[in-house]
């Protein structure tokens, strides 16, 4: 017999809208603006800090589930250019190079992201989300709110960096290039390149990444 939860039909859009609006009401004072399913603010003029509400996929019968994604976007690290320009009013979480999810932040464990069941009480879900954002996300956002601070402290928050931590050295090279220290940028780029070369035996994807790095090296203004 199906449980009461599985019998309950919900308006997914209405549920997420309600939760996001409650969360936004509590954190807009920190400078976030609402853009669809994304809450976004710029710090240090062009670094994005993002909170995103993601619904589950219909083909997996997961539309009753939701995750809250968190991200930080350093333009040059994402675009792989020393002097990129922000051309949008806001950026999505998938445009960020430092990414995680709620649950992983609170638990300080990248494997412990929270899955929210939209069939449950929306007020309680929103309350939990707001608490984690204020207690755990915003303090990290405040530490990682400039290029200099990201260079100094990114490695202190591995649970906040669950997708691209293997690219830290490359992304730091891009930041130094943006800041005008081309010597340090090239030093880090070369160190990252040598690290990738040492992994050539791991498969074709490594070879493809080396080819990408060769093209990137030629495109950058050293």
N, C-alpha and C. Protein backbone atom coordinates (compact mmCIF):
# COMPACT_ATOMS: atom_id res chain seq x y z
N UNK A 1 0.85 -1.19 0.00
CA UNK A 1 0.00 0.00 0.00
C UNK A 1 0.88 1.24 0.00
N UNK A 2 0.52 2.22 -0.86
CA UNK A 2 1.29 3.45 -0.89
C UNK A 2 1.08 4.25 0.38
N UNK A 3 2.11 4.95 0.79
CA UNK A 3 2.01 5.79 1.97
C UNK A 3 1.18 7.02 1.66
N UNK A 4 0.84 7.74 2.71
CA UNK A 4 0.07 8.97 2.54
C UNK A 4 0.84 9.96 1.69
N UNK A 5 2.18 10.00 1.87
CA UNK A 5 3.00 10.93 1.11
C UNK A 5 2.91 10.67 -0.37
N UNK A 6 2.91 9.38 -0.77
CA UNK A 6 2.87 9.05 -2.18
C UNK A 6 1.48 9.28 -2.75
N UNK A 7 0.46 9.28 -1.94
CA UNK A 7 -0.88 9.53 -2.41
C UNK A 7 -1.15 11.02 -2.58
N UNK A 8 -0.39 11.84 -1.93
CA UNK A 8 -0.64 13.27 -1.92
C UNK A 8 -0.17 13.91 -3.21
N UNK A 9 -1.09 14.58 -3.89
CA UNK A 9 -0.73 15.30 -5.10
C UNK A 9 -0.42 16.74 -4.75
N UNK A 10 0.59 17.28 -5.40
CA UNK A 10 1.00 18.64 -5.07
C UNK A 10 1.19 19.45 -6.34
N UNK A 11 1.09 20.75 -6.20
CA UNK A 11 1.43 21.69 -7.26
C UNK A 11 2.89 22.07 -7.04
N UNK A 12 3.78 21.44 -7.79
CA UNK A 12 5.22 21.60 -7.58
C UNK A 12 5.64 23.06 -7.72
N UNK A 13 5.18 23.70 -8.77
CA UNK A 13 5.55 25.10 -9.00
C UNK A 13 5.12 25.97 -7.84
N UNK A 14 3.90 25.76 -7.37
CA UNK A 14 3.38 26.55 -6.24
C UNK A 14 4.21 26.31 -4.99
N UNK A 15 4.58 25.06 -4.74
CA UNK A 15 5.37 24.72 -3.56
C UNK A 15 6.74 25.41 -3.58
N UNK A 16 7.43 25.30 -4.73
CA UNK A 16 8.76 25.90 -4.81
C UNK A 16 8.66 27.42 -4.74
N UNK A 17 7.67 27.98 -5.41
CA UNK A 17 7.48 29.44 -5.34
C UNK A 17 7.29 29.89 -3.89
N UNK A 18 6.47 29.16 -3.16
CA UNK A 18 6.19 29.52 -1.78
C UNK A 18 7.45 29.46 -0.93
N UNK A 19 8.21 28.37 -1.08
CA UNK A 19 9.44 28.21 -0.31
C UNK A 19 10.46 29.28 -0.67
N UNK A 20 10.66 29.49 -1.96
CA UNK A 20 11.65 30.49 -2.40
C UNK A 20 11.26 31.88 -1.93
N UNK A 21 9.98 32.21 -2.00
CA UNK A 21 9.54 33.54 -1.56
C UNK A 21 9.77 33.74 -0.06
N UNK A 22 9.54 32.69 0.72
CA UNK A 22 9.77 32.79 2.16
C UNK A 22 11.26 32.97 2.46
N UNK A 23 12.09 32.22 1.73
CA UNK A 23 13.54 32.35 1.91
C UNK A 23 14.01 33.74 1.49
N UNK A 24 13.54 34.18 0.34
CA UNK A 24 13.95 35.49 -0.17
C UNK A 24 13.58 36.62 0.79
N UNK A 25 12.41 36.52 1.38
CA UNK A 25 11.97 37.55 2.32
C UNK A 25 12.94 37.69 3.49
N UNK A 26 13.60 36.60 3.85
CA UNK A 26 14.52 36.61 4.99
C UNK A 26 15.93 37.01 4.63
N UNK A 27 16.32 36.87 3.37
CA UNK A 27 17.73 37.14 3.04
C UNK A 27 17.92 38.30 2.07
N UNK A 28 16.84 38.91 1.59
CA UNK A 28 17.01 40.01 0.64
C UNK A 28 17.74 41.20 1.27
N UNK A 29 17.68 41.30 2.58
CA UNK A 29 18.38 42.40 3.25
C UNK A 29 19.90 42.28 3.09
N UNK A 30 20.38 41.09 2.71
CA UNK A 30 21.81 40.89 2.51
C UNK A 30 22.24 41.23 1.08
N UNK A 31 21.32 41.77 0.30
CA UNK A 31 21.68 42.21 -1.04
C UNK A 31 21.32 41.26 -2.16
N UNK A 32 20.62 40.17 -1.86
CA UNK A 32 20.23 39.23 -2.90
C UNK A 32 19.03 39.76 -3.67
N UNK A 33 19.00 39.45 -4.97
CA UNK A 33 17.86 39.77 -5.82
C UNK A 33 17.32 38.47 -6.41
N UNK A 34 16.04 38.44 -6.62
CA UNK A 34 15.37 37.23 -7.10
C UNK A 34 15.25 37.26 -8.61
N UNK A 35 15.72 36.18 -9.25
CA UNK A 35 15.64 36.02 -10.70
C UNK A 35 15.15 34.60 -10.97
N UNK A 36 13.86 34.42 -11.12
CA UNK A 36 13.33 33.08 -11.33
C UNK A 36 13.62 32.19 -10.13
N UNK A 37 14.30 31.09 -10.35
CA UNK A 37 14.64 30.16 -9.27
C UNK A 37 15.99 30.48 -8.63
N UNK A 38 16.55 31.64 -8.96
CA UNK A 38 17.88 32.00 -8.49
C UNK A 38 17.85 33.26 -7.64
N UNK A 39 18.51 33.21 -6.49
CA UNK A 39 18.76 34.38 -5.66
C UNK A 39 20.23 34.73 -5.85
N UNK A 40 20.51 35.98 -6.21
CA UNK A 40 21.85 36.34 -6.66
C UNK A 40 22.28 37.69 -6.10
N UNK A 41 23.57 37.80 -5.80
CA UNK A 41 24.14 39.11 -5.49
C UNK A 41 25.55 39.17 -6.04
N UNK A 42 25.99 40.38 -6.37
CA UNK A 42 27.38 40.62 -6.74
C UNK A 42 28.14 41.14 -5.52
N UNK A 43 29.37 40.68 -5.34
CA UNK A 43 30.28 41.22 -4.34
C UNK A 43 31.58 41.56 -5.06
N UNK A 44 32.33 42.49 -4.49
CA UNK A 44 33.56 42.95 -5.15
C UNK A 44 33.29 43.29 -6.61
N UNK A 45 32.15 43.86 -6.87
CA UNK A 45 31.70 44.36 -8.17
C UNK A 45 31.25 43.27 -9.13
N UNK A 46 32.03 42.20 -9.30
CA UNK A 46 31.69 41.25 -10.36
C UNK A 46 31.75 39.78 -9.96
N UNK A 47 31.94 39.48 -8.69
CA UNK A 47 31.91 38.09 -8.23
C UNK A 47 30.47 37.76 -7.83
N UNK A 48 29.94 36.69 -8.38
CA UNK A 48 28.57 36.28 -8.09
C UNK A 48 28.51 35.34 -6.90
N UNK A 49 27.48 35.53 -6.07
CA UNK A 49 27.15 34.58 -5.02
C UNK A 49 25.69 34.18 -5.24
N UNK A 50 25.44 32.88 -5.31
CA UNK A 50 24.19 32.38 -5.86
C UNK A 50 23.55 31.32 -4.95
N UNK A 51 22.22 31.40 -4.84
CA UNK A 51 21.43 30.35 -4.19
C UNK A 51 20.34 29.96 -5.20
N UNK A 52 20.26 28.68 -5.52
CA UNK A 52 19.36 28.22 -6.58
C UNK A 52 18.49 27.07 -6.11
N UNK A 53 17.22 27.10 -6.50
CA UNK A 53 16.25 26.07 -6.12
C UNK A 53 16.03 25.15 -7.32
N UNK A 54 16.41 23.90 -7.16
CA UNK A 54 16.37 22.94 -8.27
C UNK A 54 15.35 21.84 -8.02
N UNK A 55 14.43 21.69 -8.95
CA UNK A 55 13.41 20.63 -8.86
C UNK A 55 13.94 19.35 -9.49
N UNK A 56 13.45 18.21 -9.01
CA UNK A 56 13.84 16.92 -9.58
C UNK A 56 13.29 16.72 -10.98
N UNK A 57 13.86 15.76 -11.70
CA UNK A 57 13.51 15.50 -13.09
C UNK A 57 12.24 14.65 -13.21
N UNK A 58 11.38 15.03 -14.17
CA UNK A 58 10.13 14.29 -14.38
C UNK A 58 10.38 12.86 -14.84
N UNK A 59 11.39 12.67 -15.72
CA UNK A 59 11.63 11.33 -16.26
C UNK A 59 12.10 10.35 -15.19
N UNK A 60 12.54 10.90 -14.05
CA UNK A 60 12.95 10.05 -12.94
C UNK A 60 11.89 10.02 -11.83
N UNK A 61 10.72 10.60 -12.14
CA UNK A 61 9.63 10.68 -11.16
C UNK A 61 10.08 11.36 -9.86
N UNK A 62 10.85 12.46 -10.03
CA UNK A 62 11.39 13.16 -8.87
C UNK A 62 10.93 14.61 -8.78
N UNK A 63 9.84 14.95 -9.45
CA UNK A 63 9.41 16.35 -9.43
C UNK A 63 8.93 16.79 -8.05
N UNK A 64 8.71 15.85 -7.16
CA UNK A 64 8.31 16.20 -5.79
C UNK A 64 9.53 16.47 -4.91
N UNK A 65 10.73 16.37 -5.49
CA UNK A 65 11.95 16.58 -4.72
C UNK A 65 12.62 17.89 -5.13
N UNK A 66 13.37 18.46 -4.22
CA UNK A 66 14.06 19.73 -4.48
C UNK A 66 15.42 19.74 -3.78
N UNK A 67 16.37 20.40 -4.43
CA UNK A 67 17.67 20.64 -3.83
C UNK A 67 17.94 22.14 -3.88
N UNK A 68 18.77 22.62 -2.97
CA UNK A 68 19.14 24.03 -2.96
C UNK A 68 20.64 24.11 -3.23
N UNK A 69 20.98 24.63 -4.40
CA UNK A 69 22.36 24.73 -4.83
C UNK A 69 22.95 26.08 -4.42
N UNK A 70 24.23 26.07 -4.14
CA UNK A 70 24.94 27.28 -3.71
C UNK A 70 26.19 27.42 -4.57
N UNK A 71 26.50 28.64 -4.99
CA UNK A 71 27.68 28.81 -5.83
C UNK A 71 28.32 30.18 -5.71
N UNK A 72 29.59 30.23 -6.08
CA UNK A 72 30.36 31.47 -6.20
C UNK A 72 31.00 31.46 -7.58
N UNK A 73 30.84 32.57 -8.29
CA UNK A 73 31.39 32.67 -9.64
C UNK A 73 32.46 33.75 -9.70
N UNK A 74 33.69 33.33 -9.95
CA UNK A 74 34.77 34.26 -10.25
C UNK A 74 34.88 34.28 -11.78
N UNK A 75 34.56 35.39 -12.43
CA UNK A 75 34.42 35.39 -13.89
C UNK A 75 35.59 34.78 -14.65
N UNK A 76 36.82 35.18 -14.32
CA UNK A 76 37.96 34.67 -15.09
C UNK A 76 38.20 33.19 -14.86
N UNK A 77 37.86 32.70 -13.66
CA UNK A 77 38.04 31.27 -13.38
C UNK A 77 37.05 30.44 -14.17
N UNK A 78 35.82 30.96 -14.33
CA UNK A 78 34.81 30.22 -15.09
C UNK A 78 35.02 30.36 -16.59
N UNK A 79 35.32 31.58 -17.03
CA UNK A 79 35.43 31.83 -18.47
C UNK A 79 36.79 31.45 -19.03
N UNK A 80 37.79 31.28 -18.17
CA UNK A 80 39.17 30.99 -18.58
C UNK A 80 39.71 32.09 -19.48
N UNK A 81 39.48 33.32 -19.05
CA UNK A 81 40.06 34.51 -19.67
C UNK A 81 40.56 35.41 -18.55
N UNK A 82 41.65 36.11 -18.80
CA UNK A 82 42.17 36.99 -17.76
C UNK A 82 41.28 38.21 -17.51
N UNK A 83 40.61 38.68 -18.55
CA UNK A 83 39.81 39.90 -18.41
C UNK A 83 38.42 39.74 -19.01
N UNK A 84 37.63 38.82 -18.47
CA UNK A 84 36.26 38.67 -18.96
C UNK A 84 35.38 39.80 -18.46
N UNK A 85 34.25 40.00 -19.12
CA UNK A 85 33.29 41.00 -18.69
C UNK A 85 31.98 40.33 -18.30
N UNK A 86 31.40 40.80 -17.20
CA UNK A 86 30.07 40.32 -16.84
C UNK A 86 29.06 40.98 -17.77
N UNK A 87 28.36 40.17 -18.53
CA UNK A 87 27.42 40.69 -19.51
C UNK A 87 25.97 40.48 -19.09
N UNK A 88 25.76 39.89 -17.91
CA UNK A 88 24.41 39.58 -17.47
C UNK A 88 24.10 40.26 -16.14
N UNK A 89 22.81 40.42 -15.86
CA UNK A 89 22.38 41.00 -14.59
C UNK A 89 22.58 40.02 -13.45
N UNK A 90 22.60 38.73 -13.76
CA UNK A 90 22.81 37.70 -12.75
C UNK A 90 23.33 36.45 -13.44
N UNK A 91 23.85 35.53 -12.64
CA UNK A 91 24.35 34.27 -13.17
C UNK A 91 23.74 33.11 -12.41
N UNK A 92 23.57 32.00 -13.12
CA UNK A 92 23.00 30.80 -12.52
C UNK A 92 24.07 30.06 -11.71
N UNK A 93 23.61 29.12 -10.91
CA UNK A 93 24.53 28.31 -10.12
C UNK A 93 25.45 27.50 -11.03
N UNK A 94 24.95 27.06 -12.18
CA UNK A 94 25.80 26.27 -13.07
C UNK A 94 26.85 27.14 -13.78
N UNK A 95 26.77 28.46 -13.62
CA UNK A 95 27.81 29.35 -14.12
C UNK A 95 28.90 29.59 -13.08
N UNK A 96 28.79 28.95 -11.94
CA UNK A 96 29.74 29.18 -10.85
C UNK A 96 30.87 28.15 -10.89
N UNK A 97 32.04 28.54 -10.45
CA UNK A 97 33.15 27.59 -10.40
C UNK A 97 33.34 26.99 -9.00
N UNK A 98 32.75 27.61 -7.97
CA UNK A 98 32.76 27.04 -6.62
C UNK A 98 31.31 26.67 -6.30
N UNK A 99 31.03 25.39 -6.10
CA UNK A 99 29.64 24.95 -6.01
C UNK A 99 29.43 23.90 -4.93
N UNK A 100 28.25 23.92 -4.35
CA UNK A 100 27.86 22.92 -3.36
C UNK A 100 26.34 22.91 -3.24
N UNK A 101 25.82 22.18 -2.24
CA UNK A 101 24.38 22.16 -1.97
C UNK A 101 24.15 22.29 -0.47
N UNK A 102 22.96 22.79 -0.11
CA UNK A 102 22.61 22.79 1.30
C UNK A 102 22.62 21.36 1.82
N UNK A 103 22.89 21.21 3.07
CA UNK A 103 23.10 19.89 3.67
C UNK A 103 24.57 19.60 3.71
N UNK A 104 25.22 19.68 2.55
CA UNK A 104 26.68 19.53 2.51
C UNK A 104 27.34 20.65 3.29
N UNK A 105 26.74 21.85 3.26
CA UNK A 105 27.31 22.99 3.97
C UNK A 105 27.15 22.81 5.48
N UNK A 106 25.93 22.53 5.90
CA UNK A 106 25.66 22.37 7.33
C UNK A 106 26.47 21.23 7.93
N UNK A 107 26.55 20.12 7.20
CA UNK A 107 27.24 18.94 7.70
C UNK A 107 28.74 18.95 7.41
N UNK A 108 29.18 19.95 6.66
CA UNK A 108 30.59 20.03 6.26
C UNK A 108 31.07 18.74 5.62
N UNK A 109 30.22 18.23 4.74
CA UNK A 109 30.49 16.95 4.07
C UNK A 109 29.81 17.01 2.70
N UNK A 110 30.61 16.99 1.65
CA UNK A 110 30.08 17.08 0.30
C UNK A 110 29.15 15.96 -0.09
N UNK A 111 29.15 14.87 0.65
CA UNK A 111 28.29 13.72 0.34
C UNK A 111 26.96 13.76 1.08
N UNK A 112 26.70 14.83 1.82
CA UNK A 112 25.50 14.88 2.64
C UNK A 112 24.57 16.02 2.26
N UNK A 113 24.36 16.19 0.96
CA UNK A 113 23.40 17.19 0.50
C UNK A 113 22.00 16.80 0.93
N UNK A 114 21.19 17.80 1.23
CA UNK A 114 19.81 17.56 1.67
C UNK A 114 18.87 17.50 0.48
N UNK A 115 18.01 16.49 0.45
CA UNK A 115 16.93 16.39 -0.52
C UNK A 115 15.64 16.78 0.19
N UNK A 116 14.98 17.81 -0.31
CA UNK A 116 13.75 18.29 0.31
C UNK A 116 12.55 17.68 -0.40
N UNK A 117 11.63 17.11 0.38
CA UNK A 117 10.42 16.49 -0.16
C UNK A 117 9.30 17.53 -0.15
N UNK A 118 8.89 17.96 -1.34
CA UNK A 118 7.90 19.03 -1.46
C UNK A 118 6.51 18.62 -1.01
N UNK A 119 6.31 17.34 -0.73
CA UNK A 119 5.02 16.89 -0.22
C UNK A 119 4.87 17.19 1.26
N UNK A 120 5.97 17.60 1.87
CA UNK A 120 5.95 17.93 3.29
C UNK A 120 5.69 19.42 3.48
N UNK A 121 5.63 19.85 4.71
CA UNK A 121 5.23 21.21 5.06
C UNK A 121 6.22 22.26 4.52
N UNK A 122 5.70 23.15 3.65
CA UNK A 122 6.56 24.15 3.01
C UNK A 122 7.16 25.12 4.01
N UNK A 123 6.40 25.50 5.03
CA UNK A 123 6.91 26.44 6.03
C UNK A 123 8.11 25.87 6.76
N UNK A 124 8.02 24.58 7.11
CA UNK A 124 9.13 23.94 7.82
C UNK A 124 10.36 23.82 6.92
N UNK A 125 10.12 23.49 5.65
CA UNK A 125 11.24 23.39 4.71
C UNK A 125 11.93 24.74 4.58
N UNK A 126 11.14 25.80 4.39
CA UNK A 126 11.71 27.14 4.24
C UNK A 126 12.47 27.56 5.49
N UNK A 127 11.94 27.23 6.66
CA UNK A 127 12.61 27.58 7.92
C UNK A 127 13.98 26.91 8.01
N UNK A 128 14.05 25.64 7.63
CA UNK A 128 15.33 24.91 7.65
C UNK A 128 16.32 25.51 6.66
N UNK A 129 15.83 25.87 5.47
CA UNK A 129 16.69 26.44 4.46
C UNK A 129 17.26 27.79 4.92
N UNK A 130 16.38 28.63 5.44
CA UNK A 130 16.82 29.95 5.91
C UNK A 130 17.87 29.82 7.01
N UNK A 131 17.64 28.90 7.94
CA UNK A 131 18.58 28.72 9.05
C UNK A 131 19.95 28.31 8.53
N UNK A 132 20.01 27.37 7.58
CA UNK A 132 21.30 26.94 7.07
C UNK A 132 21.98 28.04 6.27
N UNK A 133 21.21 28.79 5.51
CA UNK A 133 21.79 29.88 4.75
C UNK A 133 22.41 30.92 5.68
N UNK A 134 21.67 31.32 6.70
CA UNK A 134 22.15 32.36 7.60
C UNK A 134 23.28 31.86 8.49
N UNK A 135 23.14 30.63 8.99
CA UNK A 135 24.14 30.11 9.94
C UNK A 135 25.40 29.60 9.26
N UNK A 136 25.26 29.04 8.06
CA UNK A 136 26.38 28.32 7.45
C UNK A 136 26.83 28.84 6.09
N UNK A 137 25.89 29.30 5.28
CA UNK A 137 26.27 29.75 3.93
C UNK A 137 26.79 31.18 3.94
N UNK A 138 26.04 32.09 4.53
CA UNK A 138 26.46 33.49 4.50
C UNK A 138 27.83 33.73 5.15
N UNK A 139 28.17 33.04 6.25
CA UNK A 139 29.51 33.23 6.80
C UNK A 139 30.63 32.86 5.81
N UNK A 140 30.40 31.80 5.02
CA UNK A 140 31.41 31.44 4.02
C UNK A 140 31.39 32.45 2.87
N UNK A 141 30.21 32.87 2.46
CA UNK A 141 30.12 33.91 1.44
C UNK A 141 30.90 35.15 1.87
N UNK A 142 30.84 35.49 3.15
CA UNK A 142 31.52 36.69 3.63
C UNK A 142 33.03 36.51 3.63
N UNK A 143 33.50 35.29 3.89
CA UNK A 143 34.93 35.03 3.82
C UNK A 143 35.41 35.05 2.37
N UNK A 144 34.65 34.41 1.48
CA UNK A 144 35.05 34.28 0.07
C UNK A 144 34.37 35.35 -0.77
N UNK A 145 34.56 36.62 -0.42
CA UNK A 145 33.85 37.68 -1.12
C UNK A 145 34.76 38.61 -1.93
N UNK A 146 36.00 38.18 -2.15
CA UNK A 146 36.91 38.92 -3.02
C UNK A 146 37.93 37.95 -3.59
N UNK A 147 38.61 38.35 -4.63
CA UNK A 147 39.62 37.48 -5.24
C UNK A 147 40.73 37.16 -4.24
N UNK A 148 41.17 38.17 -3.54
CA UNK A 148 42.26 37.97 -2.59
C UNK A 148 41.86 36.98 -1.49
N UNK A 149 40.63 37.10 -1.01
CA UNK A 149 40.16 36.20 0.05
C UNK A 149 39.92 34.79 -0.48
N UNK A 150 39.47 34.69 -1.72
CA UNK A 150 39.30 33.36 -2.32
C UNK A 150 40.65 32.67 -2.48
N UNK A 151 41.65 33.42 -2.92
CA UNK A 151 43.00 32.85 -3.03
C UNK A 151 43.51 32.40 -1.66
N UNK A 152 43.21 33.16 -0.63
CA UNK A 152 43.74 32.87 0.70
C UNK A 152 42.98 31.77 1.43
N UNK A 153 41.68 31.63 1.17
CA UNK A 153 40.86 30.80 2.07
C UNK A 153 40.01 29.71 1.39
N UNK A 154 40.00 29.64 0.08
CA UNK A 154 39.13 28.65 -0.59
C UNK A 154 39.35 27.24 -0.08
N UNK A 155 40.59 26.86 0.12
CA UNK A 155 40.89 25.49 0.53
C UNK A 155 40.39 25.16 1.95
N UNK A 156 40.01 26.16 2.70
CA UNK A 156 39.53 25.92 4.06
C UNK A 156 38.08 25.41 4.08
N UNK A 157 37.42 25.43 2.92
CA UNK A 157 36.00 25.06 2.87
C UNK A 157 35.75 24.01 1.79
N UNK A 158 36.34 22.81 1.93
CA UNK A 158 36.17 21.79 0.89
C UNK A 158 34.72 21.37 0.67
N UNK A 159 33.90 21.41 1.71
CA UNK A 159 32.49 21.05 1.58
C UNK A 159 31.72 22.09 0.78
N UNK A 160 32.32 23.24 0.57
CA UNK A 160 31.70 24.31 -0.21
C UNK A 160 32.17 24.27 -1.66
N UNK A 161 32.96 23.28 -1.99
CA UNK A 161 33.68 23.25 -3.27
C UNK A 161 33.70 21.82 -3.79
N UNK A 162 32.51 21.27 -4.03
CA UNK A 162 32.40 19.83 -4.23
C UNK A 162 32.56 19.37 -5.69
N UNK A 163 32.58 20.30 -6.65
CA UNK A 163 32.65 19.90 -8.05
C UNK A 163 33.98 20.22 -8.72
N UNK A 164 34.57 21.36 -8.40
CA UNK A 164 35.76 21.81 -9.13
C UNK A 164 37.02 21.94 -8.29
N UNK A 165 37.05 21.30 -7.14
CA UNK A 165 38.23 21.47 -6.28
C UNK A 165 39.50 20.96 -6.95
N UNK A 166 39.37 20.01 -7.91
CA UNK A 166 40.54 19.51 -8.61
C UNK A 166 41.11 20.55 -9.58
N UNK A 167 40.36 21.65 -9.79
CA UNK A 167 40.80 22.69 -10.72
C UNK A 167 41.31 23.95 -10.00
N UNK A 168 41.46 23.86 -8.68
CA UNK A 168 41.80 25.05 -7.91
C UNK A 168 43.05 25.75 -8.44
N UNK A 169 44.11 25.02 -8.70
CA UNK A 169 45.37 25.64 -9.14
C UNK A 169 45.18 26.35 -10.48
N UNK A 170 44.46 25.73 -11.40
CA UNK A 170 44.19 26.36 -12.69
C UNK A 170 43.35 27.63 -12.50
N UNK A 171 42.35 27.55 -11.64
CA UNK A 171 41.48 28.71 -11.42
C UNK A 171 42.22 29.83 -10.69
N UNK A 172 43.14 29.46 -9.82
CA UNK A 172 43.97 30.48 -9.17
C UNK A 172 44.88 31.16 -10.19
N UNK A 173 45.39 30.39 -11.14
CA UNK A 173 46.22 30.98 -12.20
C UNK A 173 45.43 32.06 -12.95
N UNK A 174 44.15 31.78 -13.21
CA UNK A 174 43.32 32.75 -13.91
C UNK A 174 43.11 34.01 -13.07
N UNK A 175 42.95 33.84 -11.76
CA UNK A 175 42.76 35.00 -10.89
C UNK A 175 44.01 35.87 -10.86
N UNK A 176 45.17 35.23 -10.72
CA UNK A 176 46.41 36.01 -10.70
C UNK A 176 46.60 36.74 -12.03
N UNK A 177 46.23 36.09 -13.13
CA UNK A 177 46.32 36.76 -14.42
C UNK A 177 45.41 37.98 -14.48
N UNK A 178 44.22 37.84 -13.93
CA UNK A 178 43.27 38.96 -13.90
C UNK A 178 43.81 40.10 -13.03
N UNK A 179 44.48 39.75 -11.94
CA UNK A 179 45.03 40.76 -11.03
C UNK A 179 46.30 41.40 -11.56
N UNK A 180 46.82 40.87 -12.67
CA UNK A 180 47.99 41.48 -13.30
C UNK A 180 49.31 40.82 -12.98
N UNK A 181 49.27 39.76 -12.16
CA UNK A 181 50.51 39.06 -11.82
C UNK A 181 50.68 37.90 -12.80
N UNK A 182 51.14 38.21 -14.00
CA UNK A 182 51.25 37.20 -15.06
C UNK A 182 52.31 36.14 -14.74
N UNK A 183 53.35 36.54 -14.01
CA UNK A 183 54.39 35.58 -13.65
C UNK A 183 53.82 34.50 -12.74
N UNK A 184 53.07 34.91 -11.71
CA UNK A 184 52.45 33.93 -10.80
C UNK A 184 51.41 33.11 -11.54
N UNK A 185 50.69 33.74 -12.44
CA UNK A 185 49.68 33.02 -13.21
C UNK A 185 50.34 31.92 -14.04
N UNK A 186 51.44 32.23 -14.70
CA UNK A 186 52.13 31.23 -15.54
C UNK A 186 52.74 30.13 -14.67
N UNK A 187 53.25 30.51 -13.53
CA UNK A 187 53.83 29.52 -12.61
C UNK A 187 52.78 28.49 -12.18
N UNK A 188 51.59 28.97 -11.83
CA UNK A 188 50.52 28.06 -11.40
C UNK A 188 49.98 27.26 -12.58
N UNK A 189 49.84 27.91 -13.73
CA UNK A 189 49.37 27.20 -14.91
C UNK A 189 50.30 26.04 -15.25
N UNK A 190 51.60 26.32 -15.24
CA UNK A 190 52.57 25.27 -15.57
C UNK A 190 52.56 24.14 -14.53
N UNK A 191 52.37 24.50 -13.26
CA UNK A 191 52.30 23.49 -12.21
C UNK A 191 51.07 22.61 -12.41
N UNK A 192 49.96 23.23 -12.76
CA UNK A 192 48.74 22.45 -13.02
C UNK A 192 48.93 21.55 -14.24
N UNK A 193 49.56 22.09 -15.28
CA UNK A 193 49.79 21.32 -16.50
C UNK A 193 50.64 20.09 -16.20
N UNK A 194 51.69 20.26 -15.44
CA UNK A 194 52.56 19.14 -15.10
C UNK A 194 51.82 18.09 -14.27
N UNK A 195 50.93 18.55 -13.42
CA UNK A 195 50.12 17.62 -12.64
C UNK A 195 49.25 16.77 -13.56
N UNK A 196 48.65 17.41 -14.56
CA UNK A 196 47.81 16.66 -15.50
C UNK A 196 48.66 15.69 -16.31
N UNK A 197 49.83 16.12 -16.74
CA UNK A 197 50.73 15.24 -17.49
C UNK A 197 51.06 13.99 -16.69
N UNK A 198 51.23 14.15 -15.38
CA UNK A 198 51.58 13.00 -14.54
C UNK A 198 50.45 11.99 -14.46
N UNK A 199 49.24 12.37 -14.91
CA UNK A 199 48.09 11.47 -14.85
C UNK A 199 47.71 10.92 -16.23
N UNK A 200 48.57 11.07 -17.23
CA UNK A 200 48.25 10.67 -18.60
C UNK A 200 47.81 9.22 -18.71
N UNK A 201 48.35 8.38 -17.84
CA UNK A 201 48.04 6.96 -17.91
C UNK A 201 46.60 6.65 -17.51
N UNK A 202 45.86 7.64 -17.00
CA UNK A 202 44.51 7.39 -16.49
C UNK A 202 43.45 7.31 -17.57
N UNK A 203 43.75 7.71 -18.80
CA UNK A 203 42.74 7.54 -19.85
C UNK A 203 42.69 8.68 -20.84
N UNK A 204 41.79 8.51 -21.83
CA UNK A 204 41.67 9.47 -22.92
C UNK A 204 41.19 10.84 -22.46
N UNK A 205 40.39 10.87 -21.38
CA UNK A 205 39.88 12.17 -20.93
C UNK A 205 41.02 13.07 -20.46
N UNK A 206 42.08 12.47 -19.92
CA UNK A 206 43.25 13.26 -19.52
C UNK A 206 43.95 13.81 -20.75
N UNK A 207 44.07 12.99 -21.78
CA UNK A 207 44.71 13.45 -23.02
C UNK A 207 43.91 14.60 -23.63
N UNK A 208 42.59 14.48 -23.58
CA UNK A 208 41.75 15.55 -24.10
C UNK A 208 41.90 16.83 -23.30
N UNK A 209 42.06 16.69 -21.99
CA UNK A 209 42.24 17.87 -21.14
C UNK A 209 43.58 18.54 -21.43
N UNK A 210 44.60 17.75 -21.70
CA UNK A 210 45.90 18.33 -22.05
C UNK A 210 45.80 19.12 -23.36
N UNK A 211 45.06 18.60 -24.31
CA UNK A 211 44.87 19.33 -25.56
C UNK A 211 44.15 20.65 -25.32
N UNK A 212 43.16 20.62 -24.42
CA UNK A 212 42.45 21.84 -24.06
C UNK A 212 43.41 22.84 -23.42
N UNK A 213 44.27 22.37 -22.52
CA UNK A 213 45.22 23.25 -21.85
C UNK A 213 46.22 23.85 -22.83
N UNK A 214 46.63 23.08 -23.82
CA UNK A 214 47.54 23.61 -24.84
C UNK A 214 46.90 24.78 -25.58
N UNK A 215 45.63 24.62 -25.95
CA UNK A 215 44.93 25.70 -26.64
C UNK A 215 44.72 26.90 -25.72
N UNK A 216 44.40 26.62 -24.45
CA UNK A 216 44.20 27.70 -23.51
C UNK A 216 45.49 28.51 -23.31
N UNK A 217 46.60 27.80 -23.17
CA UNK A 217 47.90 28.46 -22.96
C UNK A 217 48.20 29.41 -24.13
N UNK A 218 47.88 28.97 -25.35
CA UNK A 218 48.16 29.80 -26.51
C UNK A 218 47.22 30.99 -26.60
N UNK A 219 46.04 30.89 -26.00
CA UNK A 219 45.05 31.97 -26.12
C UNK A 219 45.22 33.06 -25.06
N UNK A 220 45.93 32.76 -23.97
CA UNK A 220 46.06 33.71 -22.89
C UNK A 220 47.16 34.74 -23.18
N UNK A 221 46.96 35.96 -22.68
CA UNK A 221 47.92 37.03 -22.89
C UNK A 221 48.91 37.06 -21.72
N UNK A 222 49.98 36.32 -21.87
CA UNK A 222 50.97 36.22 -20.81
C UNK A 222 51.84 37.48 -20.78
